[in-house]
PDB file of N, CA and C in Angstrom:
ATOM      1  N   MET A   1     139.121 124.795  11.604  1.00  0.00           N
ATOM      2  CA  MET A   1     139.210 126.116  12.203  1.00  0.00           C
ATOM      3  C   MET A   1     138.002 126.468  13.050  1.00  0.00           C
ATOM      4  N   SER A   2     136.876 125.898  12.734  1.00  0.00           N
ATOM      5  CA  SER A   2     135.633 126.316  13.374  1.00  0.00           C
ATOM      6  C   SER A   2     135.427 125.651  14.727  1.00  0.00           C
ATOM      7  N   GLU A   3     135.571 126.436  15.765  1.00  0.00           N
ATOM      8  CA  GLU A   3     135.311 125.929  17.111  1.00  0.00           C
ATOM      9  C   GLU A   3     133.830 125.610  17.292  1.00  0.00           C
ATOM     10  N   ILE A   4     132.975 126.435  16.700  1.00  0.00           N
ATOM     11  CA  ILE A   4     131.529 126.184  16.814  1.00  0.00           C
ATOM     12  C   ILE A   4     131.172 124.847  16.175  1.00  0.00           C
ATOM     13  N   TYR A   5     131.750 124.552  15.013  1.00  0.00           N
ATOM     14  CA  TYR A   5     131.485 123.264  14.360  1.00  0.00           C
ATOM     15  C   TYR A   5     131.997 122.108  15.219  1.00  0.00           C
ATOM     16  N   LYS A   6     133.179 122.273  15.764  1.00  0.00           N
ATOM     17  CA  LYS A   6     133.747 121.221  16.611  1.00  0.00           C
ATOM     18  C   LYS A   6     132.858 120.936  17.814  1.00  0.00           C
ATOM     19  N   ASN A   7     132.228 121.975  18.351  1.00  0.00           N
ATOM     20  CA  ASN A   7     131.377 121.817  19.530  1.00  0.00           C
ATOM     21  C   ASN A   7     129.953 121.395  19.213  1.00  0.00           C
ATOM     22  N   THR A   8     129.446 121.796  18.055  1.00  0.00           N
ATOM     23  CA  THR A   8     128.026 121.555  17.772  1.00  0.00           C
ATOM     24  C   THR A   8     127.753 120.738  16.514  1.00  0.00           C
ATOM     25  N   GLY A   9     128.651 120.805  15.543  1.00  0.00           N
ATOM     26  CA  GLY A   9     128.407 120.149  14.255  1.00  0.00           C
ATOM     27  C   GLY A   9     127.302 120.825  13.467  1.00  0.00           C
ATOM     28  N   GLY A  10     126.908 122.030  13.879  1.00  0.00           N
ATOM     29  CA  GLY A  10     125.734 122.661  13.292  1.00  0.00           C
ATOM     30  C   GLY A  10     125.950 123.970  12.578  1.00  0.00           C
ATOM     31  N   VAL A  11     127.145 124.200  12.021  1.00  0.00           N
ATOM     32  CA  VAL A  11     127.364 125.434  11.262  1.00  0.00           C
ATOM     33  C   VAL A  11     128.121 125.114   9.971  1.00  0.00           C
ATOM     34  N   HIS A  12     128.025 126.044   9.041  1.00  0.00           N
ATOM     35  CA  HIS A  12     128.814 125.962   7.817  1.00  0.00           C
ATOM     36  C   HIS A  12     129.947 126.966   7.907  1.00  0.00           C
ATOM     37  N   SER A  13     131.057 126.620   7.287  1.00  0.00           N
ATOM     38  CA  SER A  13     132.223 127.489   7.244  1.00  0.00           C
ATOM     39  C   SER A  13     132.483 127.887   5.806  1.00  0.00           C
ATOM     40  N   CYS A  14     133.079 129.046   5.642  1.00  0.00           N
ATOM     41  CA  CYS A  14     133.425 129.531   4.317  1.00  0.00           C
ATOM     42  C   CYS A  14     134.654 130.417   4.458  1.00  0.00           C
ATOM     43  N   GLY A  15     135.512 130.380   3.458  1.00  0.00           N
ATOM     44  CA  GLY A  15     136.706 131.199   3.518  1.00  0.00           C
ATOM     45  C   GLY A  15     137.162 131.642   2.153  1.00  0.00           C
ATOM     46  N   LEU A  16     138.016 132.625   2.155  1.00  0.00           N
ATOM     47  CA  LEU A  16     138.627 133.138   0.938  1.00  0.00           C
ATOM     48  C   LEU A  16     140.129 133.040   1.105  1.00  0.00           C
ATOM     49  N   THR A  17     140.795 132.498   0.110  1.00  0.00           N
ATOM     50  CA  THR A  17     142.239 132.369   0.127  1.00  0.00           C
ATOM     51  C   THR A  17     142.803 132.812  -1.210  1.00  0.00           C
ATOM     52  N   ASN A  18     144.065 133.150  -1.212  1.00  0.00           N
ATOM     53  CA  ASN A  18     144.751 133.455  -2.460  1.00  0.00           C
ATOM     54  C   ASN A  18     145.739 132.345  -2.786  1.00  0.00           C
ATOM     55  N   SER A  19     145.536 131.189  -2.242  1.00  0.00           N
ATOM     56  CA  SER A  19     146.343 129.969  -2.352  1.00  0.00           C
ATOM     57  C   SER A  19     147.605 130.017  -1.503  1.00  0.00           C
ATOM     58  N   GLU A  20     147.897 131.150  -0.908  1.00  0.00           N
ATOM     59  CA  GLU A  20     149.044 131.255  -0.008  1.00  0.00           C
ATOM     60  C   GLU A  20     148.617 131.385   1.447  1.00  0.00           C
ATOM     61  N   LYS A  21     147.497 132.107   1.657  1.00  0.00           N
ATOM     62  CA  LYS A  21     147.056 132.322   3.031  1.00  0.00           C
ATOM     63  C   LYS A  21     145.546 132.526   3.064  1.00  0.00           C
ATOM     64  N   LEU A  22     144.994 132.268   4.214  1.00  0.00           N
ATOM     65  CA  LEU A  22     143.578 132.526   4.442  1.00  0.00           C
ATOM     66  C   LEU A  22     143.386 134.020   4.630  1.00  0.00           C
ATOM     67  N   ILE A  23     142.482 134.596   3.859  1.00  0.00           N
ATOM     68  CA  ILE A  23     142.261 136.036   3.915  1.00  0.00           C
ATOM     69  C   ILE A  23     141.058 136.364   4.795  1.00  0.00           C
ATOM     70  N   ILE A  24     139.957 135.629   4.570  1.00  0.00           N
ATOM     71  CA  ILE A  24     138.717 135.869   5.325  1.00  0.00           C
ATOM     72  C   ILE A  24     138.098 134.519   5.663  1.00  0.00           C
ATOM     73  N   PHE A  25     137.535 134.425   6.857  1.00  0.00           N
ATOM     74  CA  PHE A  25     136.842 133.215   7.292  1.00  0.00           C
ATOM     75  C   PHE A  25     135.547 133.615   7.982  1.00  0.00           C
ATOM     76  N   ALA A  26     134.476 132.900   7.686  1.00  0.00           N
ATOM     77  CA  ALA A  26     133.180 133.167   8.334  1.00  0.00           C
ATOM     78  C   ALA A  26     132.425 131.863   8.504  1.00  0.00           C
ATOM     79  N   GLU A  27     131.493 131.880   9.434  1.00  0.00           N
ATOM     80  CA  GLU A  27     130.636 130.711   9.633  1.00  0.00           C
ATOM     81  C   GLU A  27     129.226 131.162   9.974  1.00  0.00           C
ATOM     82  N   ASP A  28     128.282 130.288   9.686  1.00  0.00           N
ATOM     83  CA  ASP A  28     126.884 130.596   9.923  1.00  0.00           C
ATOM     84  C   ASP A  28     126.104 129.294   9.851  1.00  0.00           C
ATOM     85  N   ILE A  29     124.896 129.295  10.370  1.00  0.00           N
ATOM     86  CA  ILE A  29     124.027 128.119  10.261  1.00  0.00           C
ATOM     87  C   ILE A  29     123.701 127.837   8.792  1.00  0.00           C
ATOM     88  N   SER A  30     123.577 128.884   8.004  1.00  0.00           N
ATOM     89  CA  SER A  30     123.252 128.768   6.582  1.00  0.00           C
ATOM     90  C   SER A  30     124.517 128.804   5.734  1.00  0.00           C
ATOM     91  N   ARG A  31     124.642 127.875   4.798  1.00  0.00           N
ATOM     92  CA  ARG A  31     125.803 127.896   3.906  1.00  0.00           C
ATOM     93  C   ARG A  31     125.798 129.157   3.049  1.00  0.00           C
ATOM     94  N   HIS A  32     124.608 129.625   2.683  1.00  0.00           N
ATOM     95  CA  HIS A  32     124.501 130.857   1.896  1.00  0.00           C
ATOM     96  C   HIS A  32     124.959 132.070   2.704  1.00  0.00           C
ATOM     97  N   ASN A  33     124.566 132.145   3.948  1.00  0.00           N
ATOM     98  CA  ASN A  33     124.978 133.270   4.791  1.00  0.00           C
ATOM     99  C   ASN A  33     126.483 133.274   5.019  1.00  0.00           C
ATOM    100  N   ALA A  34     127.065 132.096   5.235  1.00  0.00           N
ATOM    101  CA  ALA A  34     128.520 132.021   5.423  1.00  0.00           C
ATOM    102  C   ALA A  34     129.224 132.517   4.160  1.00  0.00           C
ATOM    103  N   PHE A  35     128.757 132.091   2.998  1.00  0.00           N
ATOM    104  CA  PHE A  35     129.312 132.530   1.718  1.00  0.00           C
ATOM    105  C   PHE A  35     129.158 134.046   1.566  1.00  0.00           C
ATOM    106  N   ASP A  36     127.960 134.548   1.852  1.00  0.00           N
ATOM    107  CA  ASP A  36     127.687 135.982   1.723  1.00  0.00           C
ATOM    108  C   ASP A  36     128.547 136.819   2.670  1.00  0.00           C
ATOM    109  N   LYS A  37     128.801 136.313   3.867  1.00  0.00           N
ATOM    110  CA  LYS A  37     129.655 137.031   4.814  1.00  0.00           C
ATOM    111  C   LYS A  37     131.069 137.192   4.259  1.00  0.00           C
ATOM    112  N   VAL A  38     131.593 136.136   3.667  1.00  0.00           N
ATOM    113  CA  VAL A  38     132.939 136.185   3.094  1.00  0.00           C
ATOM    114  C   VAL A  38     132.983 137.147   1.912  1.00  0.00           C
ATOM    115  N   VAL A  39     132.025 137.035   1.019  1.00  0.00           N
ATOM    116  CA  VAL A  39     131.990 137.928  -0.142  1.00  0.00           C
ATOM    117  C   VAL A  39     131.794 139.374   0.302  1.00  0.00           C
ATOM    118  N   GLY A  40     130.879 139.604   1.229  1.00  0.00           N
ATOM    119  CA  GLY A  40     130.622 140.968   1.707  1.00  0.00           C
ATOM    120  C   GLY A  40     131.840 141.603   2.339  1.00  0.00           C
ATOM    121  N   GLU A  41     132.521 140.885   3.205  1.00  0.00           N
ATOM    122  CA  GLU A  41     133.724 141.433   3.833  1.00  0.00           C
ATOM    123  C   GLU A  41     134.814 141.684   2.796  1.00  0.00           C
ATOM    124  N   SER A  42     134.912 140.787   1.811  1.00  0.00           N
ATOM    125  CA  SER A  42     135.895 140.952   0.737  1.00  0.00           C
ATOM    126  C   SER A  42     135.614 142.214  -0.069  1.00  0.00           C
ATOM    127  N   LEU A  43     134.355 142.436  -0.391  1.00  0.00           N
ATOM    128  CA  LEU A  43     133.983 143.639  -1.140  1.00  0.00           C
ATOM    129  C   LEU A  43     134.247 144.892  -0.308  1.00  0.00           C
ATOM    130  N   PHE A  44     133.914 144.817   0.976  1.00  0.00           N
ATOM    131  CA  PHE A  44     134.142 145.950   1.880  1.00  0.00           C
ATOM    132  C   PHE A  44     135.626 146.306   1.941  1.00  0.00           C
ATOM    133  N   LYS A  45     136.479 145.275   1.943  1.00  0.00           N
ATOM    134  CA  LYS A  45     137.928 145.488   2.026  1.00  0.00           C
ATOM    135  C   LYS A  45     138.569 145.679   0.652  1.00  0.00           C
ATOM    136  N   LYS A  46     137.738 145.688  -0.396  1.00  0.00           N
ATOM    137  CA  LYS A  46     138.201 145.900  -1.774  1.00  0.00           C
ATOM    138  C   LYS A  46     139.227 144.848  -2.200  1.00  0.00           C
ATOM    139  N   ILE A  47     138.978 143.607  -1.834  1.00  0.00           N
ATOM    140  CA  ILE A  47     139.851 142.497  -2.217  1.00  0.00           C
ATOM    141  C   ILE A  47     139.521 142.088  -3.646  1.00  0.00           C
ATOM    142  N   ASN A  48     140.552 141.911  -4.439  1.00  0.00           N
ATOM    143  CA  ASN A  48     140.391 141.466  -5.818  1.00  0.00           C
ATOM    144  C   ASN A  48     140.190 139.951  -5.833  1.00  0.00           C
ATOM    145  N   PHE A  49     139.115 139.500  -6.442  1.00  0.00           N
ATOM    146  CA  PHE A  49     138.806 138.071  -6.477  1.00  0.00           C
ATOM    147  C   PHE A  49     139.548 137.324  -7.586  1.00  0.00           C
ATOM    148  N   GLU A  50     140.237 138.046  -8.463  1.00  0.00           N
ATOM    149  CA  GLU A  50     140.818 137.461  -9.666  1.00  0.00           C
ATOM    150  C   GLU A  50     141.677 136.225  -9.409  1.00  0.00           C
ATOM    151  N   ASN A  51     142.486 136.251  -8.374  1.00  0.00           N
ATOM    152  CA  ASN A  51     143.366 135.122  -8.059  1.00  0.00           C
ATOM    153  C   ASN A  51     142.987 134.453  -6.747  1.00  0.00           C
ATOM    154  N   SER A  52     141.698 134.496  -6.431  1.00  0.00           N
ATOM    155  CA  SER A  52     141.230 133.969  -5.150  1.00  0.00           C
ATOM    156  C   SER A  52     140.480 132.653  -5.319  1.00  0.00           C
ATOM    157  N   ILE A  53     140.340 131.978  -4.213  1.00  0.00           N
ATOM    158  CA  ILE A  53     139.584 130.730  -4.141  1.00  0.00           C
ATOM    159  C   ILE A  53     138.623 130.855  -2.963  1.00  0.00           C
ATOM    160  N   ILE A  54     137.371 130.496  -3.195  1.00  0.00           N
ATOM    161  CA  ILE A  54     136.412 130.420  -2.088  1.00  0.00           C
ATOM    162  C   ILE A  54     136.216 128.950  -1.757  1.00  0.00           C
ATOM    163  N   PHE A  55     136.320 128.630  -0.491  1.00  0.00           N
ATOM    164  CA  PHE A  55     136.022 127.271  -0.059  1.00  0.00           C
ATOM    165  C   PHE A  55     134.849 127.313   0.905  1.00  0.00           C
ATOM    166  N   THR A  56     134.103 126.232   0.904  1.00  0.00           N
ATOM    167  CA  THR A  56     132.907 126.161   1.741  1.00  0.00           C
ATOM    168  C   THR A  56     132.692 124.738   2.247  1.00  0.00           C
ATOM    169  N   SER A  57     132.001 124.633   3.345  1.00  0.00           N
ATOM    170  CA  SER A  57     131.658 123.311   3.868  1.00  0.00           C
ATOM    171  C   SER A  57     130.321 122.837   3.308  1.00  0.00           C
ATOM    172  N   GLY A  58     129.616 123.730   2.647  1.00  0.00           N
ATOM    173  CA  GLY A  58     128.274 123.412   2.160  1.00  0.00           C
ATOM    174  C   GLY A  58     128.258 122.813   0.771  1.00  0.00           C
ATOM    175  N   ARG A  59     127.109 122.257   0.439  1.00  0.00           N
ATOM    176  CA  ARG A  59     126.871 121.741  -0.901  1.00  0.00           C
ATOM    177  C   ARG A  59     126.984 122.893  -1.889  1.00  0.00           C
ATOM    178  N   ILE A  60     127.570 122.640  -3.055  1.00  0.00           N
ATOM    179  CA  ILE A  60     127.714 123.690  -4.064  1.00  0.00           C
ATOM    180  C   ILE A  60     126.489 123.650  -4.969  1.00  0.00           C
ATOM    181  N   THR A  61     125.580 124.573  -4.733  1.00  0.00           N
ATOM    182  CA  THR A  61     124.369 124.660  -5.541  1.00  0.00           C
ATOM    183  C   THR A  61     124.562 125.709  -6.633  1.00  0.00           C
ATOM    184  N   SER A  62     123.611 125.759  -7.548  1.00  0.00           N
ATOM    185  CA  SER A  62     123.675 126.755  -8.616  1.00  0.00           C
ATOM    186  C   SER A  62     123.673 128.170  -8.034  1.00  0.00           C
ATOM    187  N   ASP A  63     122.955 128.384  -6.944  1.00  0.00           N
ATOM    188  CA  ASP A  63     122.921 129.712  -6.308  1.00  0.00           C
ATOM    189  C   ASP A  63     124.313 130.149  -5.849  1.00  0.00           C
ATOM    190  N   ILE A  64     125.064 129.234  -5.286  1.00  0.00           N
ATOM    191  CA  ILE A  64     126.417 129.547  -4.826  1.00  0.00           C
ATOM    192  C   ILE A  64     127.301 129.895  -6.022  1.00  0.00           C
ATOM    193  N   VAL A  65     127.201 129.120  -7.089  1.00  0.00           N
ATOM    194  CA  VAL A  65     128.005 129.392  -8.286  1.00  0.00           C
ATOM    195  C   VAL A  65     127.627 130.746  -8.890  1.00  0.00           C
ATOM    196  N   ILE A  66     126.353 131.051  -8.948  1.00  0.00           N
ATOM    197  CA  ILE A  66     125.909 132.339  -9.497  1.00  0.00           C
ATOM    198  C   ILE A  66     126.460 133.496  -8.659  1.00  0.00           C
ATOM    199  N   LYS A  67     126.490 133.337  -7.339  1.00  0.00           N
ATOM    200  CA  LYS A  67     127.095 134.373  -6.486  1.00  0.00           C
ATOM    201  C   LYS A  67     128.577 134.525  -6.812  1.00  0.00           C
ATOM    202  N   GLY A  68     129.238 133.414  -7.080  1.00  0.00           N
ATOM    203  CA  GLY A  68     130.650 133.453  -7.467  1.00  0.00           C
ATOM    204  C   GLY A  68     130.862 134.157  -8.795  1.00  0.00           C
ATOM    205  N   ILE A  69     129.965 133.932  -9.735  1.00  0.00           N
ATOM    206  CA  ILE A  69     130.039 134.590 -11.044  1.00  0.00           C
ATOM    207  C   ILE A  69     129.954 136.102 -10.876  1.00  0.00           C
ATOM    208  N   LYS A  70     129.063 136.549 -10.017  1.00  0.00           N
ATOM    209  CA  LYS A  70     128.840 137.986  -9.839  1.00  0.00           C
ATOM    210  C   LYS A  70     130.076 138.724  -9.341  1.00  0.00           C
ATOM    211  N   VAL A  71     130.943 138.041  -8.588  1.00  0.00           N
ATOM    212  CA  VAL A  71     132.158 138.683  -8.094  1.00  0.00           C
ATOM    213  C   VAL A  71     133.402 138.187  -8.846  1.00  0.00           C
ATOM    214  N   GLN A  72     133.191 137.385  -9.865  1.00  0.00           N
ATOM    215  CA  GLN A  72     134.250 136.876 -10.736  1.00  0.00           C
ATOM    216  C   GLN A  72     135.277 136.027 -10.002  1.00  0.00           C
ATOM    217  N   ILE A  73     134.798 135.159  -9.129  1.00  0.00           N
ATOM    218  CA  ILE A  73     135.685 134.233  -8.434  1.00  0.00           C
ATOM    219  C   ILE A  73     136.041 133.094  -9.395  1.00  0.00           C
ATOM    220  N   PRO A  74     137.300 132.746  -9.550  1.00  0.00           N
ATOM    221  CA  PRO A  74     137.658 131.717 -10.525  1.00  0.00           C
ATOM    222  C   PRO A  74     137.543 130.276 -10.024  1.00  0.00           C
ATOM    223  N   MET A  75     137.494 130.078  -8.694  1.00  0.00           N
ATOM    224  CA  MET A  75     137.480 128.706  -8.181  1.00  0.00           C
ATOM    225  C   MET A  75     136.645 128.610  -6.904  1.00  0.00           C
ATOM    226  N   ILE A  76     135.809 127.560  -6.851  1.00  0.00           N
ATOM    227  CA  ILE A  76     135.003 127.270  -5.663  1.00  0.00           C
ATOM    228  C   ILE A  76     135.291 125.833  -5.273  1.00  0.00           C
ATOM    229  N   ILE A  77     135.587 125.638  -3.995  1.00  0.00           N
ATOM    230  CA  ILE A  77     135.927 124.317  -3.467  1.00  0.00           C
ATOM    231  C   ILE A  77     135.019 124.009  -2.286  1.00  0.00           C
ATOM    232  N   SER A  78     134.578 122.755  -2.199  1.00  0.00           N
ATOM    233  CA  SER A  78     133.767 122.337  -1.061  1.00  0.00           C
ATOM    234  C   SER A  78     134.139 120.928  -0.614  1.00  0.00           C
ATOM    235  N   VAL A  79     133.896 120.653   0.644  1.00  0.00           N
ATOM    236  CA  VAL A  79     134.046 119.289   1.148  1.00  0.00           C
ATOM    237  C   VAL A  79     132.829 118.455   0.762  1.00  0.00           C
ATOM    238  N   SER A  80     131.817 119.122   0.255  1.00  0.00           N
ATOM    239  CA  SER A  80     130.569 118.468  -0.104  1.00  0.00           C
ATOM    240  C   SER A  80     130.429 118.371  -1.619  1.00  0.00           C
ATOM    241  N   ALA A  81     129.251 117.971  -2.059  1.00  0.00           N
ATOM    242  CA  ALA A  81     128.987 117.712  -3.476  1.00  0.00           C
ATOM    243  C   ALA A  81     128.453 118.931  -4.213  1.00  0.00           C
ATOM    244  N   PRO A  82     128.777 119.044  -5.493  1.00  0.00           N
ATOM    245  CA  PRO A  82     128.111 120.047  -6.331  1.00  0.00           C
ATOM    246  C   PRO A  82     126.855 119.429  -6.938  1.00  0.00           C
ATOM    247  N   THR A  83     125.910 120.260  -7.297  1.00  0.00           N
ATOM    248  CA  THR A  83     124.737 119.762  -8.015  1.00  0.00           C
ATOM    249  C   THR A  83     125.062 119.730  -9.510  1.00  0.00           C
ATOM    250  N   TYR A  84     124.262 118.989 -10.258  1.00  0.00           N
ATOM    251  CA  TYR A  84     124.461 118.891 -11.702  1.00  0.00           C
ATOM    252  C   TYR A  84     124.391 120.282 -12.340  1.00  0.00           C
ATOM    253  N   TYR A  85     123.414 121.067 -11.954  1.00  0.00           N
ATOM    254  CA  TYR A  85     123.230 122.389 -12.552  1.00  0.00           C
ATOM    255  C   TYR A  85     124.377 123.328 -12.189  1.00  0.00           C
ATOM    256  N   SER A  86     124.923 123.211 -10.985  1.00  0.00           N
ATOM    257  CA  SER A  86     126.055 124.065 -10.610  1.00  0.00           C
ATOM    258  C   SER A  86     127.281 123.731 -11.460  1.00  0.00           C
ATOM    259  N   ILE A  87     127.462 122.465 -11.779  1.00  0.00           N
ATOM    260  CA  ILE A  87     128.578 122.059 -12.644  1.00  0.00           C
ATOM    261  C   ILE A  87     128.396 122.662 -14.035  1.00  0.00           C
ATOM    262  N   GLU A  88     127.201 122.588 -14.546  1.00  0.00           N
ATOM    263  CA  GLU A  88     126.902 123.131 -15.869  1.00  0.00           C
ATOM    264  C   GLU A  88     127.153 124.645 -15.923  1.00  0.00           C
ATOM    265  N   ILE A  89     126.679 125.358 -14.919  1.00  0.00           N
ATOM    266  CA  ILE A  89     126.868 126.811 -14.879  1.00  0.00           C
ATOM    267  C   ILE A  89     128.351 127.153 -14.732  1.00  0.00           C
ATOM    268  N   ALA A  90     129.043 126.480 -13.825  1.00  0.00           N
ATOM    269  CA  ALA A  90     130.472 126.742 -13.616  1.00  0.00           C
ATOM    270  C   ALA A  90     131.255 126.509 -14.904  1.00  0.00           C
ATOM    271  N   ASP A  91     130.908 125.469 -15.615  1.00  0.00           N
ATOM    272  CA  ASP A  91     131.586 125.181 -16.877  1.00  0.00           C
ATOM    273  C   ASP A  91     131.348 126.302 -17.888  1.00  0.00           C
ATOM    274  N   ASN A  92     130.122 126.764 -17.990  1.00  0.00           N
ATOM    275  CA  ASN A  92     129.778 127.825 -18.943  1.00  0.00           C
ATOM    276  C   ASN A  92     130.420 129.167 -18.601  1.00  0.00           C
ATOM    277  N   TYR A  93     130.708 129.407 -17.311  1.00  0.00           N
ATOM    278  CA  TYR A  93     131.260 130.696 -16.883  1.00  0.00           C
ATOM    279  C   TYR A  93     132.725 130.614 -16.460  1.00  0.00           C
ATOM    280  N   ASN A  94     133.401 129.551 -16.872  1.00  0.00           N
ATOM    281  CA  ASN A  94     134.844 129.429 -16.667  1.00  0.00           C
ATOM    282  C   ASN A  94     135.257 129.422 -15.189  1.00  0.00           C
ATOM    283  N   ILE A  95     134.457 128.786 -14.362  1.00  0.00           N
ATOM    284  CA  ILE A  95     134.786 128.639 -12.938  1.00  0.00           C
ATOM    285  C   ILE A  95     135.244 127.199 -12.701  1.00  0.00           C
ATOM    286  N   THR A  96     136.347 127.055 -12.004  1.00  0.00           N
ATOM    287  CA  THR A  96     136.802 125.729 -11.605  1.00  0.00           C
ATOM    288  C   THR A  96     136.006 125.312 -10.376  1.00  0.00           C
ATOM    289  N   LEU A  97     135.374 124.164 -10.472  1.00  0.00           N
ATOM    290  CA  LEU A  97     134.528 123.663  -9.393  1.00  0.00           C
ATOM    291  C   LEU A  97     135.123 122.368  -8.861  1.00  0.00           C
ATOM    292  N   ILE A  98     135.370 122.343  -7.558  1.00  0.00           N
ATOM    293  CA  ILE A  98     135.954 121.177  -6.909  1.00  0.00           C
ATOM    294  C   ILE A  98     135.055 120.760  -5.752  1.00  0.00           C
ATOM    295  N   GLY A  99     134.728 119.487  -5.707  1.00  0.00           N
ATOM    296  CA  GLY A  99     133.898 118.964  -4.632  1.00  0.00           C
ATOM    297  C   GLY A  99     134.568 117.795  -3.935  1.00  0.00           C
ATOM    298  N   PHE A 100     133.998 117.403  -2.820  1.00  0.00           N
ATOM    299  CA  PHE A 100     134.500 116.303  -2.009  1.00  0.00           C
ATOM    300  C   PHE A 100     135.977 116.481  -1.669  1.00  0.00           C
ATOM    301  N   ALA A 101     136.382 117.732  -1.387  1.00  0.00           N
ATOM    302  CA  ALA A 101     137.768 118.031  -1.025  1.00  0.00           C
ATOM    303  C   ALA A 101     137.980 117.639   0.432  1.00  0.00           C
ATOM    304  N   ARG A 102     138.682 116.546   0.606  1.00  0.00           N
ATOM    305  CA  ARG A 102     138.919 116.018   1.955  1.00  0.00           C
ATOM    306  C   ARG A 102     140.331 115.472   2.032  1.00  0.00           C
ATOM    307  N   GLY A 103     141.120 116.079   2.898  1.00  0.00           N
ATOM    308  CA  GLY A 103     142.522 115.671   2.989  1.00  0.00           C
ATOM    309  C   GLY A 103     143.234 115.982   1.688  1.00  0.00           C
ATOM    310  N   LYS A 104     143.878 114.990   1.112  1.00  0.00           N
ATOM    311  CA  LYS A 104     144.605 115.187  -0.143  1.00  0.00           C
ATOM    312  C   LYS A 104     143.801 114.734  -1.358  1.00  0.00           C
ATOM    313  N   ARG A 105     142.516 114.426  -1.160  1.00  0.00           N
ATOM    314  CA  ARG A 105     141.676 113.944  -2.254  1.00  0.00           C
ATOM    315  C   ARG A 105     140.587 114.956  -2.575  1.00  0.00           C
ATOM    316  N   PHE A 106     140.208 115.016  -3.850  1.00  0.00           N
ATOM    317  CA  PHE A 106     139.134 115.900  -4.290  1.00  0.00           C
ATOM    318  C   PHE A 106     138.738 115.533  -5.710  1.00  0.00           C
ATOM    319  N   ASN A 107     137.578 115.992  -6.117  1.00  0.00           N
ATOM    320  CA  ASN A 107     137.096 115.790  -7.491  1.00  0.00           C
ATOM    321  C   ASN A 107     137.033 117.140  -8.190  1.00  0.00           C
ATOM    322  N   VAL A 108     137.644 117.227  -9.352  1.00  0.00           N
ATOM    323  CA  VAL A 108     137.598 118.454 -10.149  1.00  0.00           C
ATOM    324  C   VAL A 108     136.531 118.243 -11.219  1.00  0.00           C
ATOM    325  N   TYR A 109     135.524 119.116 -11.229  1.00  0.00           N
ATOM    326  CA  TYR A 109     134.397 118.965 -12.138  1.00  0.00           C
ATOM    327  C   TYR A 109     134.493 119.841 -13.384  1.00  0.00           C
ATOM    328  N   THR A 110     135.124 120.989 -13.270  1.00  0.00           N
ATOM    329  CA  THR A 110     135.212 121.900 -14.411  1.00  0.00           C
ATOM    330  C   THR A 110     136.569 122.595 -14.433  1.00  0.00           C
ATOM    331  N   HIS A 111     137.036 122.901 -15.597  1.00  0.00           N
ATOM    332  CA  HIS A 111     138.238 123.692 -15.832  1.00  0.00           C
ATOM    333  C   HIS A 111     139.436 123.233 -15.009  1.00  0.00           C
ATOM    334  N   LYS A 112     139.842 121.995 -15.268  1.00  0.00           N
ATOM    335  CA  LYS A 112     140.938 121.343 -14.534  1.00  0.00           C
ATOM    336  C   LYS A 112     142.275 122.049 -14.709  1.00  0.00           C
ATOM    337  N   TRP A 113     142.406 122.858 -15.725  1.00  0.00           N
ATOM    338  CA  TRP A 113     143.678 123.510 -16.022  1.00  0.00           C
ATOM    339  C   TRP A 113     144.151 124.426 -14.886  1.00  0.00           C
ATOM    340  N   ARG A 114     143.239 124.873 -14.026  1.00  0.00           N
ATOM    341  CA  ARG A 114     143.643 125.742 -12.917  1.00  0.00           C
ATOM    342  C   ARG A 114     144.285 124.969 -11.755  1.00  0.00           C
ATOM    343  N   VAL A 115     144.076 123.684 -11.730  1.00  0.00           N
ATOM    344  CA  VAL A 115     144.565 122.864 -10.617  1.00  0.00           C
ATOM    345  C   VAL A 115     145.969 122.381 -10.941  1.00  0.00           C
ATOM    346  N   LEU A 116     146.916 122.771 -10.116  1.00  0.00           N
ATOM    347  CA  LEU A 116     148.312 122.384 -10.352  1.00  0.00           C
ATOM    348  C   LEU A 116     148.640 121.082  -9.663  1.00  0.00           C
TER     349      LEU A 116
END
C-alpha cells in the first residue's frame, strides 16, 4: 500500500484491521511513530481494539507490545522479527504475536488459539 516505501524503501507502515477490512493506515520513518499514529487516530475515532489486529512493517520490540497492552490490542503482526522480551511480555499479557508474516507464511509466537 505504501507508495513512499515503493519509491524510497525508507519508511515503516502500520495499520489497524478488524480482520475484514483495513480501518486505519499510517507510515513514518520511525516504526514507533507509525504505530503511534494508528493508535492515536483509533483513539480519536473511538475505535474499539477488542477485535482488532495491528500490523506493522517494523521489528516487534517490547516497547511496541507494551503500547499494545495499554490499548488492549489482542494481536500484533509484523513482516519482521519479534524480540525475545516482546514474546515474553505478549505471552504474559495474552497478546497473540506473529512475526515474519510474508505472503501465506508466518510464525505464531504466542497464543496460537486466536489464529484460525
